[in-house]
């Protein structure tokens, strides 16, 4: 199984977000933030899962630097 980390592109609200909506007035393109406009198509990082009870490590240095330069772009990440 491959675990992928993708930055979220669409702004969402913690108290309003659901499987179907990013916030009360904005649906996800595809439920679960799986659409091309919901999250970045190309994963930021991916790790092959080859066992149970493992720690996974993702290098998010480039993404965090981008968020520091433009904090409004920080919508978090989705793990798929």
PDB file of N, CA and C in Angstrom:
ATOM      1  N   UNK A   1       0.840  -1.165   0.000  1.00  0.00           N
ATOM      2  CA  UNK A   1       0.000   0.000   0.000  1.00  0.00           C
ATOM      3  C   UNK A   1       0.892   1.238   0.000  1.00  0.00           C
ATOM      4  N   UNK A   2       0.538   2.211  -0.815  1.00  0.00           N
ATOM      5  CA  UNK A   2       1.288   3.460  -0.867  1.00  0.00           C
ATOM      6  C   UNK A   2       0.492   4.554  -0.174  1.00  0.00           C
ATOM      7  N   UNK A   3       1.119   5.248   0.749  1.00  0.00           N
ATOM      8  CA  UNK A   3       0.515   6.370   1.466  1.00  0.00           C
ATOM      9  C   UNK A   3       1.048   7.649   0.832  1.00  0.00           C
ATOM     10  N   UNK A   4       0.126   8.545   0.431  1.00  0.00           N
ATOM     11  CA  UNK A   4       0.530   9.784  -0.242  1.00  0.00           C
ATOM     12  C   UNK A   4       0.084  10.992   0.571  1.00  0.00           C
ATOM     13  N   UNK A   5       0.925  11.994   0.611  1.00  0.00           N
ATOM     14  CA  UNK A   5       0.654  13.245   1.306  1.00  0.00           C
ATOM     15  C   UNK A   5       0.460  14.334   0.260  1.00  0.00           C
ATOM     16  N   UNK A   6      -0.712  14.983   0.292  1.00  0.00           N
ATOM     17  CA  UNK A   6      -1.019  16.010  -0.713  1.00  0.00           C
ATOM     18  C   UNK A   6      -1.497  17.283  -0.031  1.00  0.00           C
ATOM     19  N   UNK A   7      -0.964  18.426  -0.394  1.00  0.00           N
ATOM     20  CA  UNK A   7      -1.449  19.691   0.160  1.00  0.00           C
ATOM     21  C   UNK A   7      -2.894  19.966  -0.277  1.00  0.00           C
ATOM     22  N   UNK A   8      -3.691  20.453   0.647  1.00  0.00           N
ATOM     23  CA  UNK A   8      -5.068  20.836   0.347  1.00  0.00           C
ATOM     24  C   UNK A   8      -5.044  22.219  -0.300  1.00  0.00           C
ATOM     25  N   UNK A   9      -5.803  22.397  -1.369  1.00  0.00           N
ATOM     26  CA  UNK A   9      -5.834  23.662  -2.105  1.00  0.00           C
ATOM     27  C   UNK A   9      -7.042  24.522  -1.760  1.00  0.00           C
ATOM     28  N   UNK A  10      -8.136  23.885  -1.424  1.00  0.00           N
ATOM     29  CA  UNK A  10      -9.393  24.603  -1.196  1.00  0.00           C
ATOM     30  C   UNK A  10      -9.493  25.033   0.268  1.00  0.00           C
ATOM     31  N   UNK A  11      -9.860  26.295   0.519  1.00  0.00           N
ATOM     32  CA  UNK A  11     -10.022  26.727   1.913  1.00  0.00           C
ATOM     33  C   UNK A  11     -11.196  26.004   2.562  1.00  0.00           C
ATOM     34  N   UNK A  12     -11.022  25.588   3.809  1.00  0.00           N
ATOM     35  CA  UNK A  12     -12.062  24.857   4.521  1.00  0.00           C
ATOM     36  C   UNK A  12     -12.157  25.373   5.951  1.00  0.00           C
ATOM     37  N   UNK A  13     -13.277  25.093   6.589  1.00  0.00           N
ATOM     38  CA  UNK A  13     -13.521  25.554   7.951  1.00  0.00           C
ATOM     39  C   UNK A  13     -13.674  24.352   8.875  1.00  0.00           C
ATOM     40  N   UNK A  14     -12.939  24.335   9.953  1.00  0.00           N
ATOM     41  CA  UNK A  14     -12.937  23.211  10.877  1.00  0.00           C
ATOM     42  C   UNK A  14     -14.343  22.836  11.349  1.00  0.00           C
ATOM     43  N   UNK A  15     -15.130  23.796  11.746  1.00  0.00           N
ATOM     44  CA  UNK A  15     -16.459  23.505  12.304  1.00  0.00           C
ATOM     45  C   UNK A  15     -17.531  23.263  11.241  1.00  0.00           C
ATOM     46  N   UNK A  16     -17.198  23.476   9.977  1.00  0.00           N
ATOM     47  CA  UNK A  16     -18.179  23.313   8.906  1.00  0.00           C
ATOM     48  C   UNK A  16     -17.828  22.202   7.920  1.00  0.00           C
ATOM     49  N   UNK A  17     -16.572  21.803   7.879  1.00  0.00           N
ATOM     50  CA  UNK A  17     -16.127  20.819   6.891  1.00  0.00           C
ATOM     51  C   UNK A  17     -16.747  19.448   7.161  1.00  0.00           C
ATOM     52  N   UNK A  18     -17.162  18.805   6.081  1.00  0.00           N
ATOM     53  CA  UNK A  18     -17.689  17.444   6.134  1.00  0.00           C
ATOM     54  C   UNK A  18     -17.070  16.668   4.979  1.00  0.00           C
ATOM     55  N   UNK A  19     -17.473  15.433   4.822  1.00  0.00           N
ATOM     56  CA  UNK A  19     -17.023  14.620   3.696  1.00  0.00           C
ATOM     57  C   UNK A  19     -17.427  15.265   2.377  1.00  0.00           C
ATOM     58  N   UNK A  20     -18.560  15.994   2.367  1.00  0.00           N
ATOM     59  CA  UNK A  20     -19.097  16.577   1.137  1.00  0.00           C
ATOM     60  C   UNK A  20     -18.731  18.042   0.937  1.00  0.00           C
ATOM     61  N   UNK A  21     -18.435  18.771   2.023  1.00  0.00           N
ATOM     62  CA  UNK A  21     -18.233  20.214   1.924  1.00  0.00           C
ATOM     63  C   UNK A  21     -16.951  20.668   2.608  1.00  0.00           C
ATOM     64  N   UNK A  22     -16.300  21.664   2.006  1.00  0.00           N
ATOM     65  CA  UNK A  22     -15.143  22.298   2.630  1.00  0.00           C
ATOM     66  C   UNK A  22     -15.608  23.266   3.717  1.00  0.00           C
ATOM     67  N   UNK A  23     -16.718  23.916   3.456  1.00  0.00           N
ATOM     68  CA  UNK A  23     -17.387  24.761   4.449  1.00  0.00           C
ATOM     69  C   UNK A  23     -18.858  24.846   4.055  1.00  0.00           C
ATOM     70  N   UNK A  24     -19.639  25.581   4.806  1.00  0.00           N
ATOM     71  CA  UNK A  24     -21.093  25.591   4.602  1.00  0.00           C
ATOM     72  C   UNK A  24     -21.496  25.961   3.177  1.00  0.00           C
ATOM     73  N   UNK A  25     -20.739  26.806   2.502  1.00  0.00           N
ATOM     74  CA  UNK A  25     -21.123  27.248   1.176  1.00  0.00           C
ATOM     75  C   UNK A  25     -20.261  26.734   0.039  1.00  0.00           C
ATOM     76  N   UNK A  26     -19.342  25.817   0.339  1.00  0.00           N
ATOM     77  CA  UNK A  26     -18.380  25.389  -0.683  1.00  0.00           C
ATOM     78  C   UNK A  26     -18.213  23.872  -0.664  1.00  0.00           C
ATOM     79  N   UNK A  27     -18.775  23.178  -1.659  1.00  0.00           N
ATOM     80  CA  UNK A  27     -18.599  21.720  -1.697  1.00  0.00           C
ATOM     81  C   UNK A  27     -17.198  21.357  -2.188  1.00  0.00           C
ATOM     82  N   UNK A  28     -16.747  20.185  -1.763  1.00  0.00           N
ATOM     83  CA  UNK A  28     -15.529  19.642  -2.363  1.00  0.00           C
ATOM     84  C   UNK A  28     -15.857  19.276  -3.804  1.00  0.00           C
ATOM     85  N   UNK A  29     -14.920  19.366  -4.693  1.00  0.00           N
ATOM     86  CA  UNK A  29     -15.142  18.948  -6.078  1.00  0.00           C
ATOM     87  C   UNK A  29     -15.547  17.478  -6.106  1.00  0.00           C
ATOM     88  N   UNK A  30     -14.855  16.681  -5.311  1.00  0.00           N
ATOM     89  CA  UNK A  30     -15.147  15.267  -5.154  1.00  0.00           C
ATOM     90  C   UNK A  30     -15.190  14.986  -3.649  1.00  0.00           C
ATOM     91  N   UNK A  31     -16.201  14.268  -3.164  1.00  0.00           N
ATOM     92  CA  UNK A  31     -16.282  14.021  -1.725  1.00  0.00           C
ATOM     93  C   UNK A  31     -14.961  13.529  -1.133  1.00  0.00           C
ATOM     94  N   UNK A  32     -14.686  14.010   0.076  1.00  0.00           N
ATOM     95  CA  UNK A  32     -13.457  13.623   0.749  1.00  0.00           C
ATOM     96  C   UNK A  32     -12.236  14.401   0.302  1.00  0.00           C
ATOM     97  N   UNK A  33     -12.445  15.529  -0.352  1.00  0.00           N
ATOM     98  CA  UNK A  33     -11.342  16.369  -0.858  1.00  0.00           C
ATOM     99  C   UNK A  33     -10.461  15.598  -1.829  1.00  0.00           C
ATOM    100  N   UNK A  34     -11.089  14.822  -2.707  1.00  0.00           N
ATOM    101  CA  UNK A  34     -10.329  13.998  -3.652  1.00  0.00           C
ATOM    102  C   UNK A  34     -10.267  14.578  -5.060  1.00  0.00           C
ATOM    103  N   UNK A  35     -10.878  15.728  -5.286  1.00  0.00           N
ATOM    104  CA  UNK A  35     -10.869  16.321  -6.614  1.00  0.00           C
ATOM    105  C   UNK A  35      -9.589  17.087  -6.905  1.00  0.00           C
ATOM    106  N   UNK A  36      -9.333  17.315  -8.189  1.00  0.00           N
ATOM    107  CA  UNK A  36      -8.121  18.034  -8.599  1.00  0.00           C
ATOM    108  C   UNK A  36      -8.076  19.463  -8.075  1.00  0.00           C
ATOM    109  N   UNK A  37      -9.229  20.086  -7.831  1.00  0.00           N
ATOM    110  CA  UNK A  37      -9.233  21.443  -7.283  1.00  0.00           C
ATOM    111  C   UNK A  37      -9.271  21.431  -5.755  1.00  0.00           C
ATOM    112  N   UNK A  38      -9.423  20.261  -5.146  1.00  0.00           N
ATOM    113  CA  UNK A  38      -9.469  20.149  -3.690  1.00  0.00           C
ATOM    114  C   UNK A  38      -8.083  19.993  -3.075  1.00  0.00           C
ATOM    115  N   UNK A  39      -7.247  19.217  -3.742  1.00  0.00           N
ATOM    116  CA  UNK A  39      -5.899  18.946  -3.258  1.00  0.00           C
ATOM    117  C   UNK A  39      -4.971  18.798  -4.455  1.00  0.00           C
ATOM    118  N   UNK A  40      -3.706  19.003  -4.200  1.00  0.00           N
ATOM    119  CA  UNK A  40      -2.733  18.928  -5.286  1.00  0.00           C
ATOM    120  C   UNK A  40      -2.737  17.527  -5.902  1.00  0.00           C
ATOM    121  N   UNK A  41      -2.701  17.472  -7.222  1.00  0.00           N
ATOM    122  CA  UNK A  41      -2.747  16.196  -7.931  1.00  0.00           C
ATOM    123  C   UNK A  41      -1.482  15.381  -7.647  1.00  0.00           C
ATOM    124  N   UNK A  42      -0.338  15.997  -7.826  1.00  0.00           N
ATOM    125  CA  UNK A  42       0.924  15.310  -7.567  1.00  0.00           C
ATOM    126  C   UNK A  42       1.187  15.290  -6.066  1.00  0.00           C
ATOM    127  N   UNK A  43       1.445  14.134  -5.492  1.00  0.00           N
ATOM    128  CA  UNK A  43       1.716  14.095  -4.061  1.00  0.00           C
ATOM    129  C   UNK A  43       3.007  14.820  -3.702  1.00  0.00           C
ATOM    130  N   UNK A  44       2.998  15.431  -2.544  1.00  0.00           N
ATOM    131  CA  UNK A  44       4.199  16.070  -2.021  1.00  0.00           C
ATOM    132  C   UNK A  44       5.222  15.002  -1.657  1.00  0.00           C
ATOM    133  N   UNK A  45       4.712  13.907  -1.116  1.00  0.00           N
ATOM    134  CA  UNK A  45       5.573  12.790  -0.720  1.00  0.00           C
ATOM    135  C   UNK A  45       4.745  11.523  -0.723  1.00  0.00           C
ATOM    136  N   UNK A  46       5.418  10.400  -0.859  1.00  0.00           N
ATOM    137  CA  UNK A  46       4.727   9.124  -0.754  1.00  0.00           C
ATOM    138  C   UNK A  46       5.663   8.094  -0.144  1.00  0.00           C
ATOM    139  N   UNK A  47       5.051   7.180   0.603  1.00  0.00           N
ATOM    140  CA  UNK A  47       5.805   6.144   1.297  1.00  0.00           C
ATOM    141  C   UNK A  47       5.106   4.820   1.057  1.00  0.00           C
ATOM    142  N   UNK A  48       5.890   3.802   0.749  1.00  0.00           N
ATOM    143  CA  UNK A  48       5.355   2.465   0.574  1.00  0.00           C
ATOM    144  C   UNK A  48       5.226   1.815   1.952  1.00  0.00           C
ATOM    145  N   UNK A  49       4.025   1.397   2.284  1.00  0.00           N
ATOM    146  CA  UNK A  49       3.756   0.762   3.573  1.00  0.00           C
ATOM    147  C   UNK A  49       3.987  -0.728   3.416  1.00  0.00           C
ATOM    148  N   UNK A  50       4.920  -1.273   4.188  1.00  0.00           N
ATOM    149  CA  UNK A  50       5.261  -2.679   4.022  1.00  0.00           C
ATOM    150  C   UNK A  50       5.183  -3.470   5.325  1.00  0.00           C
ATOM    151  N   UNK A  51       4.428  -2.975   6.281  1.00  0.00           N
ATOM    152  CA  UNK A  51       4.291  -3.689   7.537  1.00  0.00           C
ATOM    153  C   UNK A  51       3.327  -2.988   8.464  1.00  0.00           C
ATOM    154  N   UNK A  52       3.120  -3.541   9.630  1.00  0.00           N
ATOM    155  CA  UNK A  52       2.215  -2.967  10.620  1.00  0.00           C
ATOM    156  C   UNK A  52       3.021  -2.364  11.756  1.00  0.00           C
ATOM    157  N   UNK A  53       2.410  -1.380  12.410  1.00  0.00           N
ATOM    158  CA  UNK A  53       3.044  -0.784  13.571  1.00  0.00           C
ATOM    159  C   UNK A  53       4.290   0.013  13.245  1.00  0.00           C
ATOM    160  N   UNK A  54       4.320   0.608  12.059  1.00  0.00           N
ATOM    161  CA  UNK A  54       5.484   1.378  11.632  1.00  0.00           C
ATOM    162  C   UNK A  54       5.236   2.872  11.759  1.00  0.00           C
ATOM    163  N   UNK A  55       6.290   3.612  12.007  1.00  0.00           N
ATOM    164  CA  UNK A  55       6.233   5.066  11.927  1.00  0.00           C
ATOM    165  C   UNK A  55       6.500   5.453  10.482  1.00  0.00           C
ATOM    166  N   UNK A  56       5.719   6.404   9.968  1.00  0.00           N
ATOM    167  CA  UNK A  56       5.955   6.915   8.618  1.00  0.00           C
ATOM    168  C   UNK A  56       6.525   8.314   8.733  1.00  0.00           C
ATOM    169  N   UNK A  57       7.467   8.627   7.886  1.00  0.00           N
ATOM    170  CA  UNK A  57       8.106   9.936   7.896  1.00  0.00           C
ATOM    171  C   UNK A  57       7.964  10.562   6.523  1.00  0.00           C
ATOM    172  N   UNK A  58       7.536  11.824   6.503  1.00  0.00           N
ATOM    173  CA  UNK A  58       7.393  12.584   5.265  1.00  0.00           C
ATOM    174  C   UNK A  58       8.230  13.847   5.386  1.00  0.00           C
ATOM    175  N   UNK A  59       8.982  14.175   4.357  1.00  0.00           N
ATOM    176  CA  UNK A  59       9.746  15.419   4.336  1.00  0.00           C
ATOM    177  C   UNK A  59       8.839  16.525   3.807  1.00  0.00           C
ATOM    178  N   UNK A  60       8.423  17.422   4.687  1.00  0.00           N
ATOM    179  CA  UNK A  60       7.520  18.517   4.311  1.00  0.00           C
ATOM    180  C   UNK A  60       8.226  19.866   4.355  1.00  0.00           C
ATOM    181  N   UNK A  61       9.540  19.857   4.329  1.00  0.00           N
ATOM    182  CA  UNK A  61      10.327  21.084   4.440  1.00  0.00           C
ATOM    183  C   UNK A  61       9.934  22.115   3.384  1.00  0.00           C
ATOM    184  N   UNK A  62       9.845  21.697   2.129  1.00  0.00           N
ATOM    185  CA  UNK A  62       9.515  22.630   1.043  1.00  0.00           C
ATOM    186  C   UNK A  62       8.123  23.221   1.257  1.00  0.00           C
ATOM    187  N   UNK A  63       7.178  22.400   1.655  1.00  0.00           N
ATOM    188  CA  UNK A  63       5.813  22.869   1.874  1.00  0.00           C
ATOM    189  C   UNK A  63       5.751  23.861   3.035  1.00  0.00           C
ATOM    190  N   UNK A  64       6.410  23.572   4.125  1.00  0.00           N
ATOM    191  CA  UNK A  64       6.395  24.475   5.281  1.00  0.00           C
ATOM    192  C   UNK A  64       7.059  25.801   4.935  1.00  0.00           C
ATOM    193  N   UNK A  65       8.118  25.764   4.175  1.00  0.00           N
ATOM    194  CA  UNK A  65       8.762  27.023   3.749  1.00  0.00           C
ATOM    195  C   UNK A  65       7.811  27.855   2.889  1.00  0.00           C
ATOM    196  N   UNK A  66       7.070  27.184   2.017  1.00  0.00           N
ATOM    197  CA  UNK A  66       6.093  27.905   1.187  1.00  0.00           C
ATOM    198  C   UNK A  66       5.002  28.513   2.059  1.00  0.00           C
ATOM    199  N   UNK A  67       4.538  27.784   3.070  1.00  0.00           N
ATOM    200  CA  UNK A  67       3.518  28.315   3.982  1.00  0.00           C
ATOM    201  C   UNK A  67       4.048  29.494   4.779  1.00  0.00           C
ATOM    202  N   UNK A  68       5.315  29.451   5.178  1.00  0.00           N
ATOM    203  CA  UNK A  68       5.896  30.584   5.902  1.00  0.00           C
ATOM    204  C   UNK A  68       5.957  31.821   5.021  1.00  0.00           C
ATOM    205  N   UNK A  69       6.217  31.616   3.740  1.00  0.00           N
ATOM    206  CA  UNK A  69       6.275  32.740   2.796  1.00  0.00           C
ATOM    207  C   UNK A  69       4.883  33.270   2.467  1.00  0.00           C
ATOM    208  N   UNK A  70       3.875  32.405   2.480  1.00  0.00           N
ATOM    209  CA  UNK A  70       2.494  32.790   2.141  1.00  0.00           C
ATOM    210  C   UNK A  70       1.541  32.042   3.075  1.00  0.00           C
ATOM    211  N   UNK A  71       1.386  32.509   4.325  1.00  0.00           N
ATOM    212  CA  UNK A  71       0.584  31.787   5.314  1.00  0.00           C
ATOM    213  C   UNK A  71      -0.862  31.517   4.894  1.00  0.00           C
ATOM    214  N   UNK A  72      -1.437  32.351   4.076  1.00  0.00           N
ATOM    215  CA  UNK A  72      -2.834  32.153   3.656  1.00  0.00           C
ATOM    216  C   UNK A  72      -2.980  30.902   2.784  1.00  0.00           C
ATOM    217  N   UNK A  73      -1.884  30.425   2.217  1.00  0.00           N
ATOM    218  CA  UNK A  73      -1.936  29.222   1.380  1.00  0.00           C
ATOM    219  C   UNK A  73      -1.976  27.924   2.198  1.00  0.00           C
ATOM    220  N   UNK A  74      -1.774  28.032   3.502  1.00  0.00           N
ATOM    221  CA  UNK A  74      -1.727  26.845   4.365  1.00  0.00           C
ATOM    222  C   UNK A  74      -3.144  26.350   4.643  1.00  0.00           C
ATOM    223  N   UNK A  75      -3.555  25.335   3.901  1.00  0.00           N
ATOM    224  CA  UNK A  75      -4.846  24.675   4.121  1.00  0.00           C
ATOM    225  C   UNK A  75      -4.639  23.269   4.667  1.00  0.00           C
ATOM    226  N   UNK A  76      -3.417  22.944   5.057  1.00  0.00           N
ATOM    227  CA  UNK A  76      -3.109  21.633   5.596  1.00  0.00           C
ATOM    228  C   UNK A  76      -2.815  20.627   4.510  1.00  0.00           C
ATOM    229  N   UNK A  77      -2.821  19.371   4.896  1.00  0.00           N
ATOM    230  CA  UNK A  77      -2.534  18.273   3.972  1.00  0.00           C
ATOM    231  C   UNK A  77      -3.589  17.183   4.147  1.00  0.00           C
ATOM    232  N   UNK A  78      -3.734  16.377   3.128  1.00  0.00           N
ATOM    233  CA  UNK A  78      -4.608  15.204   3.200  1.00  0.00           C
ATOM    234  C   UNK A  78      -3.729  13.993   2.926  1.00  0.00           C
ATOM    235  N   UNK A  79      -3.979  12.943   3.682  1.00  0.00           N
ATOM    236  CA  UNK A  79      -3.244  11.704   3.505  1.00  0.00           C
ATOM    237  C   UNK A  79      -4.143  10.731   2.765  1.00  0.00           C
ATOM    238  N   UNK A  80      -3.685  10.238   1.617  1.00  0.00           N
ATOM    239  CA  UNK A  80      -4.484   9.307   0.817  1.00  0.00           C
ATOM    240  C   UNK A  80      -3.739   8.010   0.623  1.00  0.00           C
TER     241      UNK A  80
END
